[in-house]
Amino acid sequence: MKISTKGRYALRLMIDLATNDDGNPIRIKDVAERQNISDKYLEQIISALNKAGFVRSVRGPQGGYSLKKKPEDYTVGMILRLTEGSLAPVACVEEDETDCERQGGCVTYLLWRKISDAINGVVDTITLKDLIDWQKNIGNNE
């Protein structure tokens, strides 16, 4: 499994919205400049985040975006699944997948299940707040 730029940029966008929240909506153009990402690409990502109810949109000249919830209420898994879809390494261990006909005698199914469980165990326990805290610690180590 490889996380695309869409998933990586969605995380960076959400982190940016959280860390730069001063009570006013944040313009995508400002995020794009800080993150060195195309504002057109960020507009596509923010649209998906907005549609999912992850962010709040304010229209107009003073408009922009902000998080709808606190950073600790978003897991990395929530954000990545929204932008990437399934995080399963192979189709037979995806959430909605019906049982594979070979599952009972397939040794690699056990491997894929363990990998999938490990991935989900990480992304579903790390929050946006955790990433922000890690970012602060990185800055303190310089």
N, C-alpha and C. Protein backbone atom coordinates (compact mmCIF):
# COMPACT_ATOMS: atom_id res chain seq x y z
N MET A 1 0.84 -1.17 0.00
CA MET A 1 0.00 0.00 0.00
C MET A 1 0.89 1.24 0.00
N LYS A 2 0.52 2.16 -0.83
CA LYS A 2 1.27 3.40 -0.92
C LYS A 2 0.27 4.55 -0.81
N ILE A 3 0.53 5.48 0.09
CA ILE A 3 -0.34 6.64 0.26
C ILE A 3 -0.01 7.65 -0.83
N SER A 4 -1.04 8.10 -1.54
CA SER A 4 -0.85 9.04 -2.64
C SER A 4 -0.61 10.46 -2.12
N THR A 5 -0.28 11.35 -3.04
CA THR A 5 -0.11 12.75 -2.65
C THR A 5 -1.42 13.31 -2.09
N LYS A 6 -2.54 12.84 -2.60
CA LYS A 6 -3.83 13.33 -2.11
C LYS A 6 -3.98 13.06 -0.61
N GLY A 7 -3.65 11.86 -0.18
CA GLY A 7 -3.73 11.53 1.24
C GLY A 7 -2.71 12.29 2.07
N ARG A 8 -1.49 12.38 1.57
CA ARG A 8 -0.44 13.09 2.30
C ARG A 8 -0.77 14.58 2.41
N TYR A 9 -1.23 15.16 1.32
CA TYR A 9 -1.57 16.58 1.33
C TYR A 9 -2.80 16.86 2.19
N ALA A 10 -3.74 15.93 2.23
CA ALA A 10 -4.93 16.12 3.09
C ALA A 10 -4.50 16.20 4.55
N LEU A 11 -3.55 15.35 4.95
CA LEU A 11 -3.04 15.43 6.32
C LEU A 11 -2.34 16.75 6.57
N ARG A 12 -1.51 17.18 5.64
CA ARG A 12 -0.80 18.45 5.79
C ARG A 12 -1.78 19.62 5.85
N LEU A 13 -2.83 19.56 5.04
CA LEU A 13 -3.86 20.60 5.03
C LEU A 13 -4.58 20.66 6.37
N MET A 14 -4.97 19.52 6.89
CA MET A 14 -5.67 19.48 8.18
C MET A 14 -4.76 19.97 9.31
N ILE A 15 -3.50 19.58 9.29
CA ILE A 15 -2.54 20.05 10.30
C ILE A 15 -2.39 21.56 10.20
N ASP A 16 -2.29 22.07 8.99
CA ASP A 16 -2.14 23.51 8.78
C ASP A 16 -3.36 24.27 9.31
N LEU A 17 -4.55 23.77 9.01
CA LEU A 17 -5.77 24.43 9.51
C LEU A 17 -5.79 24.46 11.03
N ALA A 18 -5.35 23.37 11.64
CA ALA A 18 -5.35 23.30 13.10
C ALA A 18 -4.29 24.21 13.72
N THR A 19 -3.11 24.20 13.17
CA THR A 19 -2.02 24.97 13.79
C THR A 19 -2.12 26.47 13.52
N ASN A 20 -2.82 26.86 12.49
CA ASN A 20 -2.94 28.28 12.16
C ASN A 20 -4.31 28.85 12.50
N ASP A 21 -5.06 28.13 13.30
CA ASP A 21 -6.40 28.59 13.69
C ASP A 21 -6.29 29.72 14.71
N ASP A 22 -6.73 30.90 14.28
CA ASP A 22 -6.77 32.05 15.19
C ASP A 22 -8.21 32.53 15.37
N GLY A 23 -9.16 31.68 14.99
CA GLY A 23 -10.57 32.04 15.09
C GLY A 23 -11.16 32.55 13.79
N ASN A 24 -10.30 32.86 12.83
CA ASN A 24 -10.75 33.34 11.52
C ASN A 24 -10.57 32.24 10.49
N PRO A 25 -11.42 32.21 9.46
CA PRO A 25 -11.26 31.21 8.40
C PRO A 25 -9.90 31.36 7.71
N ILE A 26 -9.36 30.25 7.29
CA ILE A 26 -8.04 30.24 6.65
C ILE A 26 -8.21 30.01 5.15
N ARG A 27 -7.59 30.87 4.37
CA ARG A 27 -7.70 30.77 2.91
C ARG A 27 -6.82 29.64 2.39
N ILE A 28 -7.34 28.93 1.40
CA ILE A 28 -6.58 27.84 0.78
C ILE A 28 -5.29 28.37 0.17
N LYS A 29 -5.35 29.57 -0.37
CA LYS A 29 -4.15 30.17 -0.96
C LYS A 29 -3.03 30.30 0.08
N ASP A 30 -3.39 30.66 1.31
CA ASP A 30 -2.39 30.78 2.38
C ASP A 30 -1.81 29.42 2.76
N VAL A 31 -2.68 28.42 2.83
CA VAL A 31 -2.21 27.05 3.13
C VAL A 31 -1.27 26.60 2.02
N ALA A 32 -1.67 26.84 0.78
CA ALA A 32 -0.86 26.43 -0.37
C ALA A 32 0.54 27.05 -0.32
N GLU A 33 0.61 28.31 0.05
CA GLU A 33 1.92 28.98 0.16
C GLU A 33 2.75 28.38 1.29
N ARG A 34 2.14 28.18 2.45
CA ARG A 34 2.88 27.63 3.59
C ARG A 34 3.35 26.20 3.33
N GLN A 35 2.51 25.42 2.66
CA GLN A 35 2.80 24.00 2.44
C GLN A 35 3.50 23.72 1.11
N ASN A 36 3.64 24.75 0.29
CA ASN A 36 4.25 24.60 -1.03
C ASN A 36 3.53 23.53 -1.86
N ILE A 37 2.19 23.68 -1.90
CA ILE A 37 1.33 22.77 -2.65
C ILE A 37 0.45 23.63 -3.55
N SER A 38 0.13 23.14 -4.72
CA SER A 38 -0.75 23.85 -5.65
C SER A 38 -2.10 24.14 -4.99
N ASP A 39 -2.53 25.40 -5.07
CA ASP A 39 -3.82 25.75 -4.48
C ASP A 39 -4.97 25.06 -5.22
N LYS A 40 -4.81 24.81 -6.51
CA LYS A 40 -5.85 24.09 -7.28
C LYS A 40 -6.00 22.67 -6.75
N TYR A 41 -4.89 22.03 -6.44
CA TYR A 41 -4.95 20.66 -5.90
C TYR A 41 -5.56 20.67 -4.50
N LEU A 42 -5.18 21.64 -3.69
CA LEU A 42 -5.75 21.76 -2.34
C LEU A 42 -7.25 22.04 -2.39
N GLU A 43 -7.70 22.77 -3.40
CA GLU A 43 -9.14 23.03 -3.53
C GLU A 43 -9.91 21.74 -3.75
N GLN A 44 -9.34 20.83 -4.53
CA GLN A 44 -9.98 19.52 -4.74
C GLN A 44 -10.05 18.73 -3.44
N ILE A 45 -8.98 18.77 -2.69
CA ILE A 45 -8.91 18.03 -1.42
C ILE A 45 -9.86 18.64 -0.39
N ILE A 46 -9.86 19.97 -0.29
CA ILE A 46 -10.72 20.62 0.70
C ILE A 46 -12.18 20.38 0.38
N SER A 47 -12.50 20.26 -0.89
CA SER A 47 -13.87 19.97 -1.30
C SER A 47 -14.33 18.63 -0.72
N ALA A 48 -13.49 17.62 -0.80
CA ALA A 48 -13.82 16.30 -0.24
C ALA A 48 -13.92 16.37 1.28
N LEU A 49 -13.01 17.10 1.92
CA LEU A 49 -13.04 17.26 3.37
C LEU A 49 -14.29 18.01 3.82
N ASN A 50 -14.69 19.01 3.04
CA ASN A 50 -15.89 19.79 3.35
C ASN A 50 -17.14 18.93 3.19
N LYS A 51 -17.20 18.18 2.11
CA LYS A 51 -18.36 17.33 1.84
C LYS A 51 -18.52 16.27 2.93
N ALA A 52 -17.41 15.80 3.48
CA ALA A 52 -17.44 14.79 4.54
C ALA A 52 -17.73 15.39 5.91
N GLY A 53 -17.77 16.72 5.99
CA GLY A 53 -18.05 17.38 7.26
C GLY A 53 -16.84 17.52 8.17
N PHE A 54 -15.64 17.42 7.62
CA PHE A 54 -14.42 17.56 8.41
C PHE A 54 -14.05 19.02 8.62
N VAL A 55 -14.44 19.88 7.67
CA VAL A 55 -14.10 21.30 7.76
C VAL A 55 -15.37 22.14 7.59
N ARG A 56 -15.25 23.38 8.01
CA ARG A 56 -16.33 24.36 7.88
C ARG A 56 -15.88 25.37 6.82
N SER A 57 -16.78 25.72 5.94
CA SER A 57 -16.49 26.66 4.87
C SER A 57 -17.20 27.98 5.13
N VAL A 58 -16.48 29.07 4.95
CA VAL A 58 -17.05 30.42 5.06
C VAL A 58 -16.81 31.10 3.73
N ARG A 59 -17.89 31.55 3.10
CA ARG A 59 -17.78 32.21 1.79
C ARG A 59 -17.51 33.69 1.94
N GLY A 60 -17.06 34.29 0.84
CA GLY A 60 -16.88 35.73 0.81
C GLY A 60 -15.42 36.14 0.87
N PRO A 61 -15.17 37.45 0.79
CA PRO A 61 -13.80 37.96 0.75
C PRO A 61 -12.99 37.61 2.00
N GLN A 62 -13.65 37.49 3.14
CA GLN A 62 -12.96 37.12 4.38
C GLN A 62 -13.13 35.63 4.68
N GLY A 63 -13.54 34.90 3.66
CA GLY A 63 -13.86 33.48 3.84
C GLY A 63 -12.64 32.59 3.84
N GLY A 64 -12.92 31.33 4.05
CA GLY A 64 -11.88 30.32 4.08
C GLY A 64 -12.42 29.08 4.77
N TYR A 65 -11.53 28.35 5.41
CA TYR A 65 -11.89 27.08 6.04
C TYR A 65 -11.34 26.98 7.45
N SER A 66 -12.03 26.18 8.24
CA SER A 66 -11.55 25.84 9.58
C SER A 66 -12.02 24.43 9.89
N LEU A 67 -11.39 23.82 10.88
CA LEU A 67 -11.81 22.50 11.30
C LEU A 67 -13.18 22.59 11.96
N LYS A 68 -14.00 21.58 11.74
CA LYS A 68 -15.32 21.55 12.39
C LYS A 68 -15.22 21.03 13.81
N LYS A 69 -14.21 20.20 14.07
CA LYS A 69 -14.04 19.59 15.39
C LYS A 69 -12.64 19.93 15.91
N LYS A 70 -12.38 19.47 17.11
CA LYS A 70 -11.04 19.63 17.69
C LYS A 70 -10.07 18.64 17.02
N PRO A 71 -8.79 18.99 16.95
CA PRO A 71 -7.81 18.10 16.32
C PRO A 71 -7.79 16.67 16.90
N GLU A 72 -8.08 16.56 18.20
CA GLU A 72 -8.07 15.22 18.80
C GLU A 72 -9.26 14.36 18.37
N ASP A 73 -10.22 14.96 17.67
CA ASP A 73 -11.40 14.22 17.21
C ASP A 73 -11.22 13.62 15.82
N TYR A 74 -10.09 13.88 15.17
CA TYR A 74 -9.80 13.33 13.85
C TYR A 74 -8.65 12.34 13.97
N THR A 75 -8.84 11.14 13.46
CA THR A 75 -7.71 10.21 13.40
C THR A 75 -7.09 10.28 12.00
N VAL A 76 -5.85 9.87 11.92
CA VAL A 76 -5.18 9.79 10.63
C VAL A 76 -5.97 8.84 9.72
N GLY A 77 -6.49 7.76 10.29
CA GLY A 77 -7.27 6.80 9.51
C GLY A 77 -8.50 7.42 8.88
N MET A 78 -9.19 8.28 9.61
CA MET A 78 -10.39 8.96 9.07
C MET A 78 -10.02 9.77 7.83
N ILE A 79 -8.95 10.51 7.93
CA ILE A 79 -8.54 11.39 6.84
C ILE A 79 -8.04 10.59 5.65
N LEU A 80 -7.21 9.59 5.92
CA LEU A 80 -6.67 8.78 4.82
C LEU A 80 -7.75 7.95 4.12
N ARG A 81 -8.68 7.39 4.88
CA ARG A 81 -9.74 6.61 4.23
C ARG A 81 -10.64 7.49 3.36
N LEU A 82 -10.84 8.73 3.79
CA LEU A 82 -11.64 9.65 2.99
C LEU A 82 -10.95 9.94 1.66
N THR A 83 -9.66 10.15 1.69
CA THR A 83 -8.94 10.55 0.48
C THR A 83 -8.41 9.36 -0.32
N GLU A 84 -8.08 8.26 0.37
CA GLU A 84 -7.47 7.12 -0.30
C GLU A 84 -8.43 5.97 -0.55
N GLY A 85 -9.52 5.92 0.21
CA GLY A 85 -10.37 4.74 0.16
C GLY A 85 -9.81 3.71 1.12
N SER A 86 -9.88 2.47 0.76
CA SER A 86 -9.41 1.40 1.62
C SER A 86 -7.90 1.49 1.84
N LEU A 87 -7.47 1.14 3.05
CA LEU A 87 -6.04 1.10 3.35
C LEU A 87 -5.52 -0.33 3.35
N ALA A 88 -6.36 -1.27 2.95
CA ALA A 88 -5.97 -2.68 2.93
C ALA A 88 -4.89 -2.91 1.87
N PRO A 89 -3.92 -3.78 2.18
CA PRO A 89 -2.84 -4.03 1.22
C PRO A 89 -3.29 -4.84 0.00
N VAL A 90 -4.35 -5.65 0.16
CA VAL A 90 -4.91 -6.44 -0.94
C VAL A 90 -6.43 -6.47 -0.79
N ALA A 91 -7.12 -6.76 -1.88
CA ALA A 91 -8.58 -6.69 -1.90
C ALA A 91 -9.25 -7.67 -0.93
N CYS A 92 -8.65 -8.84 -0.73
CA CYS A 92 -9.34 -9.86 0.07
C CYS A 92 -9.45 -9.52 1.55
N VAL A 93 -8.75 -8.49 2.02
CA VAL A 93 -8.88 -8.10 3.42
C VAL A 93 -9.54 -6.73 3.59
N GLU A 94 -10.14 -6.21 2.52
CA GLU A 94 -10.85 -4.95 2.62
C GLU A 94 -12.10 -5.12 3.47
N GLU A 95 -12.52 -4.04 4.11
CA GLU A 95 -13.67 -4.07 5.02
C GLU A 95 -14.93 -4.65 4.38
N ASP A 96 -15.27 -4.21 3.17
CA ASP A 96 -16.52 -4.60 2.53
C ASP A 96 -16.40 -5.88 1.71
N GLU A 97 -15.23 -6.45 1.67
CA GLU A 97 -14.99 -7.63 0.83
C GLU A 97 -15.69 -8.84 1.44
N THR A 98 -16.37 -9.57 0.58
CA THR A 98 -16.95 -10.83 1.03
C THR A 98 -15.83 -11.84 1.18
N ASP A 99 -16.09 -12.90 1.89
CA ASP A 99 -15.05 -13.90 2.13
C ASP A 99 -14.47 -14.43 0.83
N CYS A 100 -13.18 -14.51 0.80
CA CYS A 100 -12.46 -15.07 -0.34
C CYS A 100 -12.64 -16.58 -0.32
N GLU A 101 -12.87 -17.16 -1.47
CA GLU A 101 -13.07 -18.61 -1.54
C GLU A 101 -11.82 -19.39 -1.11
N ARG A 102 -10.67 -18.77 -1.18
CA ARG A 102 -9.43 -19.44 -0.80
C ARG A 102 -9.01 -19.13 0.63
N GLN A 103 -9.74 -18.29 1.31
CA GLN A 103 -9.35 -17.78 2.63
C GLN A 103 -8.98 -18.88 3.61
N GLY A 104 -9.76 -19.95 3.69
CA GLY A 104 -9.51 -21.01 4.66
C GLY A 104 -8.18 -21.72 4.48
N GLY A 105 -7.70 -21.85 3.26
CA GLY A 105 -6.45 -22.57 3.02
C GLY A 105 -5.34 -21.70 2.47
N CYS A 106 -5.49 -20.41 2.58
CA CYS A 106 -4.50 -19.49 1.99
C CYS A 106 -3.63 -18.89 3.08
N VAL A 107 -2.38 -19.30 3.10
CA VAL A 107 -1.46 -18.81 4.11
C VAL A 107 -1.17 -17.31 3.94
N THR A 108 -1.19 -16.83 2.70
CA THR A 108 -0.91 -15.41 2.51
C THR A 108 -2.06 -14.54 3.00
N TYR A 109 -3.28 -15.10 3.06
CA TYR A 109 -4.39 -14.32 3.62
C TYR A 109 -4.06 -13.91 5.05
N LEU A 110 -3.47 -14.81 5.81
CA LEU A 110 -3.09 -14.49 7.20
C LEU A 110 -2.08 -13.34 7.23
N LEU A 111 -1.14 -13.37 6.31
CA LEU A 111 -0.15 -12.31 6.21
C LEU A 111 -0.81 -10.97 5.90
N TRP A 112 -1.69 -10.96 4.89
CA TRP A 112 -2.35 -9.72 4.49
C TRP A 112 -3.24 -9.19 5.62
N ARG A 113 -3.90 -10.08 6.34
CA ARG A 113 -4.76 -9.69 7.45
C ARG A 113 -3.92 -9.03 8.56
N LYS A 114 -2.75 -9.62 8.87
CA LYS A 114 -1.87 -9.05 9.89
C LYS A 114 -1.35 -7.67 9.48
N ILE A 115 -0.98 -7.54 8.21
CA ILE A 115 -0.51 -6.24 7.72
C ILE A 115 -1.63 -5.21 7.81
N SER A 116 -2.82 -5.59 7.36
CA SER A 116 -3.97 -4.69 7.41
C SER A 116 -4.29 -4.29 8.85
N ASP A 117 -4.29 -5.25 9.77
CA ASP A 117 -4.56 -4.95 11.18
C ASP A 117 -3.51 -4.00 11.75
N ALA A 118 -2.25 -4.20 11.36
CA ALA A 118 -1.18 -3.33 11.85
C ALA A 118 -1.36 -1.90 11.34
N ILE A 119 -1.66 -1.76 10.07
CA ILE A 119 -1.88 -0.44 9.49
C ILE A 119 -3.04 0.26 10.21
N ASN A 120 -4.17 -0.45 10.31
CA ASN A 120 -5.34 0.14 10.96
C ASN A 120 -5.06 0.46 12.43
N GLY A 121 -4.29 -0.38 13.09
CA GLY A 121 -3.94 -0.14 14.49
C GLY A 121 -3.15 1.14 14.68
N VAL A 122 -2.35 1.49 13.69
CA VAL A 122 -1.57 2.73 13.78
C VAL A 122 -2.44 3.93 13.41
N VAL A 123 -3.03 3.91 12.22
CA VAL A 123 -3.73 5.10 11.73
C VAL A 123 -5.00 5.41 12.51
N ASP A 124 -5.56 4.41 13.17
CA ASP A 124 -6.79 4.65 13.94
C ASP A 124 -6.54 5.07 15.38
N THR A 125 -5.29 5.10 15.79
CA THR A 125 -4.97 5.53 17.15
C THR A 125 -4.20 6.85 17.19
N ILE A 126 -3.69 7.27 16.06
CA ILE A 126 -2.96 8.54 16.00
C ILE A 126 -3.92 9.62 15.52
N THR A 127 -4.00 10.70 16.29
CA THR A 127 -4.92 11.78 15.96
C THR A 127 -4.18 12.95 15.32
N LEU A 128 -4.96 13.86 14.79
CA LEU A 128 -4.40 15.09 14.25
C LEU A 128 -3.65 15.85 15.35
N LYS A 129 -4.18 15.82 16.56
CA LYS A 129 -3.50 16.48 17.68
C LYS A 129 -2.14 15.83 17.94
N ASP A 130 -2.06 14.51 17.84
CA ASP A 130 -0.77 13.83 18.00
C ASP A 130 0.24 14.33 16.98
N LEU A 131 -0.19 14.47 15.73
CA LEU A 131 0.71 14.94 14.69
C LEU A 131 1.18 16.36 14.97
N ILE A 132 0.27 17.19 15.45
CA ILE A 132 0.61 18.57 15.80
C ILE A 132 1.62 18.59 16.94
N ASP A 133 1.40 17.76 17.94
CA ASP A 133 2.35 17.65 19.06
C ASP A 133 3.71 17.17 18.57
N TRP A 134 3.72 16.19 17.68
CA TRP A 134 4.98 15.70 17.13
C TRP A 134 5.70 16.81 16.37
N GLN A 135 4.92 17.60 15.62
CA GLN A 135 5.49 18.71 14.86
C GLN A 135 6.16 19.71 15.80
N LYS A 136 5.51 20.00 16.93
CA LYS A 136 6.09 20.93 17.90
C LYS A 136 7.39 20.37 18.48
N ASN A 137 7.42 19.06 18.75
CA ASN A 137 8.62 18.43 19.28
C ASN A 137 9.76 18.44 18.28
N ILE A 138 9.44 18.29 17.01
CA ILE A 138 10.47 18.36 15.97
C ILE A 138 11.10 19.74 15.99
N GLY A 139 10.26 20.77 16.10
CA GLY A 139 10.75 22.15 16.15
C GLY A 139 11.62 22.41 17.37
N ASN A 140 11.33 21.73 18.49
CA ASN A 140 12.11 21.91 19.72
C ASN A 140 13.45 21.18 19.68
N ASN A 141 13.57 20.22 18.77
CA ASN A 141 14.81 19.42 18.69
C ASN A 141 15.83 20.06 17.78
N GLU A 142 15.47 21.13 17.12
CA GLU A 142 16.42 21.76 16.18
C GLU A 142 17.41 22.63 16.88
